[in-house]
Amino acid sequence: AIVTAGTGQPLTVFAGGLPGFTGGPSGTGFTDN
């Protein structure tokens, strides 16, 4: 028998692209992060 268990990986939530905001809501230019 093999038993494996573990907690999940940390997640980071991103705003993503928004309509009408080419630079993103923060205006940094790179919208992905």
PDB file of all heavy atoms in Angstrom:
ATOM      1  N   ALA A   1       0.853  -1.198   0.000  1.00  0.00           N
ATOM      2  CA  ALA A   1       0.000   0.000   0.000  1.00  0.00           C
ATOM      3  C   ALA A   1       0.879   1.235   0.000  1.00  0.00           C
ATOM      4  O   ALA A   1       1.955   1.260   0.599  1.00  0.00           O
ATOM      5  CB  ALA A   1      -0.918   0.011   1.221  1.00  0.00           C
ATOM      6  N   ILE A   2       0.411   2.264  -0.697  1.00  0.00           N
ATOM      7  CA  ILE A   2       1.086   3.567  -0.735  1.00  0.00           C
ATOM      8  C   ILE A   2       0.049   4.632  -0.406  1.00  0.00           C
ATOM      9  O   ILE A   2      -1.023   4.682  -1.025  1.00  0.00           O
ATOM     10  CB  ILE A   2       1.714   3.847  -2.115  1.00  0.00           C
ATOM     11  CG1 ILE A   2       2.771   2.794  -2.448  1.00  0.00           C
ATOM     12  CG2 ILE A   2       2.329   5.240  -2.145  1.00  0.00           C
ATOM     13  CD1 ILE A   2       3.362   2.950  -3.839  1.00  0.00           C
ATOM     14  N   VAL A   3       0.358   5.479   0.565  1.00  0.00           N
ATOM     15  CA  VAL A   3      -0.515   6.585   0.946  1.00  0.00           C
ATOM     16  C   VAL A   3       0.255   7.891   0.730  1.00  0.00           C
ATOM     17  O   VAL A   3       1.372   8.048   1.241  1.00  0.00           O
ATOM     18  CB  VAL A   3      -0.964   6.476   2.416  1.00  0.00           C
ATOM     19  CG1 VAL A   3      -1.832   7.672   2.793  1.00  0.00           C
ATOM     20  CG2 VAL A   3      -1.719   5.178   2.649  1.00  0.00           C
ATOM     21  N   THR A   4      -0.322   8.802  -0.040  1.00  0.00           N
ATOM     22  CA  THR A   4       0.292  10.107  -0.269  1.00  0.00           C
ATOM     23  C   THR A   4      -0.710  11.195   0.076  1.00  0.00           C
ATOM     24  O   THR A   4      -1.912  11.072  -0.226  1.00  0.00           O
ATOM     25  CB  THR A   4       0.738  10.273  -1.738  1.00  0.00           C
ATOM     26  OG1 THR A   4      -0.393  10.082  -2.609  1.00  0.00           O
ATOM     27  CG2 THR A   4       1.800   9.243  -2.100  1.00  0.00           C
ATOM     28  N   ALA A   5      -0.237  12.245   0.700  1.00  0.00           N
ATOM     29  CA  ALA A   5      -1.102  13.355   1.084  1.00  0.00           C
ATOM     30  C   ALA A   5      -0.272  14.624   1.118  1.00  0.00           C
ATOM     31  O   ALA A   5       0.936  14.596   1.375  1.00  0.00           O
ATOM     32  CB  ALA A   5      -1.753  13.096   2.446  1.00  0.00           C
ATOM     33  N   GLY A   6      -0.920  15.732   0.858  1.00  0.00           N
ATOM     34  CA  GLY A   6      -0.205  17.004   0.895  1.00  0.00           C
ATOM     35  C   GLY A   6      -1.151  18.170   0.781  1.00  0.00           C
ATOM     36  O   GLY A   6      -2.264  18.051   0.259  1.00  0.00           O
ATOM     37  N   THR A   7      -0.707  19.302   1.285  1.00  0.00           N
ATOM     38  CA  THR A   7      -1.477  20.536   1.113  1.00  0.00           C
ATOM     39  C   THR A   7      -1.262  21.072  -0.296  1.00  0.00           C
ATOM     40  O   THR A   7      -0.317  20.695  -0.988  1.00  0.00           O
ATOM     41  CB  THR A   7      -1.048  21.584   2.145  1.00  0.00           C
ATOM     42  OG1 THR A   7       0.389  21.699   2.124  1.00  0.00           O
ATOM     43  CG2 THR A   7      -1.471  21.186   3.542  1.00  0.00           C
ATOM     44  N   GLY A   8      -2.132  21.949  -0.717  1.00  0.00           N
ATOM     45  CA  GLY A   8      -2.078  22.472  -2.068  1.00  0.00           C
ATOM     46  C   GLY A   8      -0.974  23.499  -2.265  1.00  0.00           C
ATOM     47  O   GLY A   8      -0.354  23.985  -1.315  1.00  0.00           O
ATOM     48  N   GLN A   9      -0.747  23.828  -3.524  1.00  0.00           N
ATOM     49  CA  GLN A   9       0.242  24.849  -3.862  1.00  0.00           C
ATOM     50  C   GLN A   9      -0.341  26.237  -3.625  1.00  0.00           C
ATOM     51  O   GLN A   9      -1.540  26.463  -3.802  1.00  0.00           O
ATOM     52  CB  GLN A   9       0.643  24.716  -5.333  1.00  0.00           C
ATOM     53  CG  GLN A   9       1.352  23.422  -5.673  1.00  0.00           C
ATOM     54  CD  GLN A   9       1.627  23.310  -7.157  1.00  0.00           C
ATOM     55  OE1 GLN A   9       1.041  22.472  -7.840  1.00  0.00           O
ATOM     56  NE2 GLN A   9       2.498  24.148  -7.678  1.00  0.00           N
ATOM     57  N   PRO A  10       0.498  27.200  -3.234  1.00  0.00           N
ATOM     58  CA  PRO A  10       0.026  28.576  -3.092  1.00  0.00           C
ATOM     59  C   PRO A  10      -0.467  29.140  -4.424  1.00  0.00           C
ATOM     60  O   PRO A  10       0.095  28.856  -5.484  1.00  0.00           O
ATOM     61  CB  PRO A  10       1.265  29.329  -2.599  1.00  0.00           C
ATOM     62  CG  PRO A  10       2.109  28.274  -1.943  1.00  0.00           C
ATOM     63  CD  PRO A  10       1.885  27.031  -2.760  1.00  0.00           C
ATOM     64  N   LEU A  11      -1.520  29.937  -4.352  1.00  0.00           N
ATOM     65  CA  LEU A  11      -2.122  30.545  -5.540  1.00  0.00           C
ATOM     66  C   LEU A  11      -2.006  32.066  -5.463  1.00  0.00           C
ATOM     67  O   LEU A  11      -2.145  32.654  -4.381  1.00  0.00           O
ATOM     68  CB  LEU A  11      -3.602  30.182  -5.643  1.00  0.00           C
ATOM     69  CG  LEU A  11      -3.965  28.708  -5.761  1.00  0.00           C
ATOM     70  CD1 LEU A  11      -5.480  28.546  -5.742  1.00  0.00           C
ATOM     71  CD2 LEU A  11      -3.404  28.119  -7.038  1.00  0.00           C
ATOM     72  N   THR A  12      -1.776  32.678  -6.586  1.00  0.00           N
ATOM     73  CA  THR A  12      -1.784  34.136  -6.694  1.00  0.00           C
ATOM     74  C   THR A  12      -2.906  34.534  -7.635  1.00  0.00           C
ATOM     75  O   THR A  12      -3.017  33.995  -8.741  1.00  0.00           O
ATOM     76  CB  THR A  12      -0.434  34.659  -7.227  1.00  0.00           C
ATOM     77  OG1 THR A  12       0.618  34.187  -6.382  1.00  0.00           O
ATOM     78  CG2 THR A  12      -0.421  36.177  -7.256  1.00  0.00           C
ATOM     79  N   VAL A  13      -3.740  35.447  -7.197  1.00  0.00           N
ATOM     80  CA  VAL A  13      -4.895  35.879  -7.992  1.00  0.00           C
ATOM     81  C   VAL A  13      -4.510  37.118  -8.789  1.00  0.00           C
ATOM     82  O   VAL A  13      -3.896  38.055  -8.253  1.00  0.00           O
ATOM     83  CB  VAL A  13      -6.098  36.169  -7.079  1.00  0.00           C
ATOM     84  CG1 VAL A  13      -7.256  36.743  -7.890  1.00  0.00           C
ATOM     85  CG2 VAL A  13      -6.521  34.893  -6.366  1.00  0.00           C
ATOM     86  N   PHE A  14      -4.895  37.139 -10.057  1.00  0.00           N
ATOM     87  CA  PHE A  14      -4.579  38.251 -10.951  1.00  0.00           C
ATOM     88  C   PHE A  14      -5.853  38.891 -11.472  1.00  0.00           C
ATOM     89  O   PHE A  14      -6.892  38.239 -11.595  1.00  0.00           O
ATOM     90  CB  PHE A  14      -3.723  37.766 -12.124  1.00  0.00           C
ATOM     91  CG  PHE A  14      -2.415  37.161 -11.701  1.00  0.00           C
ATOM     92  CD1 PHE A  14      -2.250  35.787 -11.647  1.00  0.00           C
ATOM     93  CD2 PHE A  14      -1.345  37.963 -11.338  1.00  0.00           C
ATOM     94  CE1 PHE A  14      -1.052  35.222 -11.250  1.00  0.00           C
ATOM     95  CE2 PHE A  14      -0.140  37.404 -10.936  1.00  0.00           C
ATOM     96  CZ  PHE A  14       0.003  36.035 -10.892  1.00  0.00           C
ATOM     97  N   ALA A  15      -5.751  40.191 -11.775  1.00  0.00           N
ATOM     98  CA  ALA A  15      -6.908  40.926 -12.282  1.00  0.00           C
ATOM     99  C   ALA A  15      -7.224  40.540 -13.722  1.00  0.00           C
ATOM    100  O   ALA A  15      -8.385  40.438 -14.107  1.00  0.00           O
ATOM    101  CB  ALA A  15      -6.659  42.431 -12.179  1.00  0.00           C
ATOM    102  N   GLY A  16      -6.185  40.342 -14.535  1.00  0.00           N
ATOM    103  CA  GLY A  16      -6.401  39.980 -15.931  1.00  0.00           C
ATOM    104  C   GLY A  16      -6.738  41.189 -16.783  1.00  0.00           C
ATOM    105  O   GLY A  16      -6.817  42.342 -16.317  1.00  0.00           O
ATOM    106  N   GLY A  17      -6.973  40.931 -18.059  1.00  0.00           N
ATOM    107  CA  GLY A  17      -7.316  42.002 -18.981  1.00  0.00           C
ATOM    108  C   GLY A  17      -8.728  42.526 -18.751  1.00  0.00           C
ATOM    109  O   GLY A  17      -9.651  41.743 -18.524  1.00  0.00           O
ATOM    110  N   LEU A  18      -8.892  43.831 -18.783  1.00  0.00           N
ATOM    111  CA  LEU A  18     -10.196  44.461 -18.602  1.00  0.00           C
ATOM    112  C   LEU A  18     -10.547  45.256 -19.846  1.00  0.00           C
ATOM    113  O   LEU A  18      -9.681  45.931 -20.425  1.00  0.00           O
ATOM    114  CB  LEU A  18     -10.183  45.390 -17.379  1.00  0.00           C
ATOM    115  CG  LEU A  18      -9.727  44.780 -16.049  1.00  0.00           C
ATOM    116  CD1 LEU A  18      -9.782  45.823 -14.950  1.00  0.00           C
ATOM    117  CD2 LEU A  18     -10.584  43.582 -15.698  1.00  0.00           C
ATOM    118  N   PRO A  19     -11.790  45.204 -20.296  1.00  0.00           N
ATOM    119  CA  PRO A  19     -12.172  45.951 -21.503  1.00  0.00           C
ATOM    120  C   PRO A  19     -11.998  47.453 -21.312  1.00  0.00           C
ATOM    121  O   PRO A  19     -12.449  48.028 -20.320  1.00  0.00           O
ATOM    122  CB  PRO A  19     -13.653  45.575 -21.686  1.00  0.00           C
ATOM    123  CG  PRO A  19     -14.109  45.098 -20.350  1.00  0.00           C
ATOM    124  CD  PRO A  19     -12.921  44.472 -19.704  1.00  0.00           C
ATOM    125  N   GLY A  20     -11.291  48.075 -22.257  1.00  0.00           N
ATOM    126  CA  GLY A  20     -11.092  49.519 -22.203  1.00  0.00           C
ATOM    127  C   GLY A  20      -9.850  49.949 -21.455  1.00  0.00           C
ATOM    128  O   GLY A  20      -9.554  51.147 -21.380  1.00  0.00           O
ATOM    129  N   PHE A  21      -9.096  48.985 -20.899  1.00  0.00           N
ATOM    130  CA  PHE A  21      -7.892  49.321 -20.139  1.00  0.00           C
ATOM    131  C   PHE A  21      -6.701  48.618 -20.772  1.00  0.00           C
ATOM    132  O   PHE A  21      -6.346  47.503 -20.392  1.00  0.00           O
ATOM    133  CB  PHE A  21      -8.037  48.891 -18.674  1.00  0.00           C
ATOM    134  CG  PHE A  21      -9.093  49.626 -17.918  1.00  0.00           C
ATOM    135  CD1 PHE A  21     -10.408  49.187 -17.938  1.00  0.00           C
ATOM    136  CD2 PHE A  21      -8.787  50.767 -17.192  1.00  0.00           C
ATOM    137  CE1 PHE A  21     -11.398  49.861 -17.247  1.00  0.00           C
ATOM    138  CE2 PHE A  21      -9.769  51.449 -16.494  1.00  0.00           C
ATOM    139  CZ  PHE A  21     -11.081  51.008 -16.520  1.00  0.00           C
ATOM    140  N   THR A  22      -6.069  49.272 -21.736  1.00  0.00           N
ATOM    141  CA  THR A  22      -4.944  48.634 -22.432  1.00  0.00           C
ATOM    142  C   THR A  22      -3.735  48.487 -21.520  1.00  0.00           C
ATOM    143  O   THR A  22      -2.907  47.611 -21.737  1.00  0.00           O
ATOM    144  CB  THR A  22      -4.559  49.456 -23.670  1.00  0.00           C
ATOM    145  OG1 THR A  22      -4.276  50.809 -23.264  1.00  0.00           O
ATOM    146  CG2 THR A  22      -5.696  49.470 -24.682  1.00  0.00           C
ATOM    147  N   GLY A  23      -3.633  49.339 -20.514  1.00  0.00           N
ATOM    148  CA  GLY A  23      -2.511  49.246 -19.577  1.00  0.00           C
ATOM    149  C   GLY A  23      -2.874  48.562 -18.285  1.00  0.00           C
ATOM    150  O   GLY A  23      -2.068  48.513 -17.355  1.00  0.00           O
ATOM    151  N   GLY A  24      -4.103  48.021 -18.213  1.00  0.00           N
ATOM    152  CA  GLY A  24      -4.549  47.369 -16.993  1.00  0.00           C
ATOM    153  C   GLY A  24      -5.036  48.380 -15.967  1.00  0.00           C
ATOM    154  O   GLY A  24      -4.789  49.586 -16.091  1.00  0.00           O
ATOM    155  N   PRO A  25      -5.731  47.945 -14.928  1.00  0.00           N
ATOM    156  CA  PRO A  25      -6.260  48.877 -13.921  1.00  0.00           C
ATOM    157  C   PRO A  25      -5.173  49.613 -13.149  1.00  0.00           C
ATOM    158  O   PRO A  25      -5.386  50.731 -12.686  1.00  0.00           O
ATOM    159  CB  PRO A  25      -7.087  47.976 -13.003  1.00  0.00           C
ATOM    160  CG  PRO A  25      -6.512  46.613 -13.190  1.00  0.00           C
ATOM    161  CD  PRO A  25      -6.075  46.550 -14.614  1.00  0.00           C
ATOM    162  N   SER A  26      -3.986  48.991 -13.025  1.00  0.00           N
ATOM    163  CA  SER A  26      -2.888  49.665 -12.321  1.00  0.00           C
ATOM    164  C   SER A  26      -2.083  50.565 -13.246  1.00  0.00           C
ATOM    165  O   SER A  26      -1.278  51.377 -12.775  1.00  0.00           O
ATOM    166  CB  SER A  26      -1.959  48.632 -11.674  1.00  0.00           C
ATOM    167  OG  SER A  26      -2.648  47.882 -10.689  1.00  0.00           O
ATOM    168  N   GLY A  27      -2.273  50.404 -14.560  1.00  0.00           N
ATOM    169  CA  GLY A  27      -1.612  51.271 -15.519  1.00  0.00           C
ATOM    170  C   GLY A  27      -0.138  51.006 -15.712  1.00  0.00           C
ATOM    171  O   GLY A  27       0.586  51.874 -16.204  1.00  0.00           O
ATOM    172  N   THR A  28       0.328  49.815 -15.350  1.00  0.00           N
ATOM    173  CA  THR A  28       1.756  49.523 -15.488  1.00  0.00           C
ATOM    174  C   THR A  28       2.127  49.090 -16.897  1.00  0.00           C
ATOM    175  O   THR A  28       3.306  49.026 -17.231  1.00  0.00           O
ATOM    176  CB  THR A  28       2.170  48.411 -14.504  1.00  0.00           C
ATOM    177  OG1 THR A  28       1.407  47.228 -14.789  1.00  0.00           O
ATOM    178  CG2 THR A  28       1.920  48.840 -13.066  1.00  0.00           C
ATOM    179  N   GLY A  29       1.145  48.763 -17.710  1.00  0.00           N
ATOM    180  CA  GLY A  29       1.412  48.385 -19.087  1.00  0.00           C
ATOM    181  C   GLY A  29       1.359  46.894 -19.331  1.00  0.00           C
ATOM    182  O   GLY A  29       0.873  46.460 -20.372  1.00  0.00           O
ATOM    183  N   PHE A  30       1.867  46.099 -18.403  1.00  0.00           N
ATOM    184  CA  PHE A  30       1.812  44.641 -18.538  1.00  0.00           C
ATOM    185  C   PHE A  30       0.624  44.154 -17.716  1.00  0.00           C
ATOM    186  O   PHE A  30       0.655  44.175 -16.480  1.00  0.00           O
ATOM    187  CB  PHE A  30       3.117  44.007 -18.051  1.00  0.00           C
ATOM    188  CG  PHE A  30       3.171  42.512 -18.219  1.00  0.00           C
ATOM    189  CD1 PHE A  30       2.976  41.928 -19.462  1.00  0.00           C
ATOM    190  CD2 PHE A  30       3.410  41.681 -17.135  1.00  0.00           C
ATOM    191  CE1 PHE A  30       3.021  40.552 -19.623  1.00  0.00           C
ATOM    192  CE2 PHE A  30       3.459  40.303 -17.277  1.00  0.00           C
ATOM    193  CZ  PHE A  30       3.261  39.742 -18.537  1.00  0.00           C
ATOM    194  N   THR A  31      -0.426  43.732 -18.386  1.00  0.00           N
ATOM    195  CA  THR A  31      -1.674  43.428 -17.686  1.00  0.00           C
ATOM    196  C   THR A  31      -1.686  42.064 -17.001  1.00  0.00           C
ATOM    197  O   THR A  31      -2.480  41.848 -16.082  1.00  0.00           O
ATOM    198  CB  THR A  31      -2.855  43.483 -18.675  1.00  0.00           C
ATOM    199  OG1 THR A  31      -2.649  42.509 -19.704  1.00  0.00           O
ATOM    200  CG2 THR A  31      -2.963  44.873 -19.308  1.00  0.00           C
ATOM    201  N   ASP A  32      -0.818  41.135 -17.406  1.00  0.00           N
ATOM    202  CA  ASP A  32      -0.895  39.768 -16.895  1.00  0.00           C
ATOM    203  C   ASP A  32      -0.667  39.670 -15.389  1.00  0.00           C
ATOM    204  O   ASP A  32      -1.262  38.844 -14.710  1.00  0.00           O
ATOM    205  CB  ASP A  32       0.100  38.868 -17.616  1.00  0.00           C
ATOM    206  CG  ASP A  32      -0.305  38.599 -19.062  1.00  0.00           C
ATOM    207  OD1 ASP A  32      -1.354  39.118 -19.482  1.00  0.00           O
ATOM    208  OD2 ASP A  32       0.418  37.865 -19.759  1.00  0.00           O
ATOM    209  N   ASN A  33       0.246  40.487 -14.853  1.00  0.00           N
ATOM    210  CA  ASN A  33       0.637  40.312 -13.454  1.00  0.00           C
ATOM    211  C   ASN A  33      -0.056  41.277 -12.492  1.00  0.00           C
ATOM    212  O   ASN A  33       0.241  41.265 -11.293  1.00  0.00           O
ATOM    213  CB  ASN A  33       2.159  40.453 -13.305  1.00  0.00           C
ATOM    214  CG  ASN A  33       2.633  41.882 -13.555  1.00  0.00           C
ATOM    215  OD1 ASN A  33       1.952  42.661 -14.218  1.00  0.00           O
ATOM    216  ND2 ASN A  33       3.801  42.211 -13.039  1.00  0.00           N
TER     217      ASN A  33
END
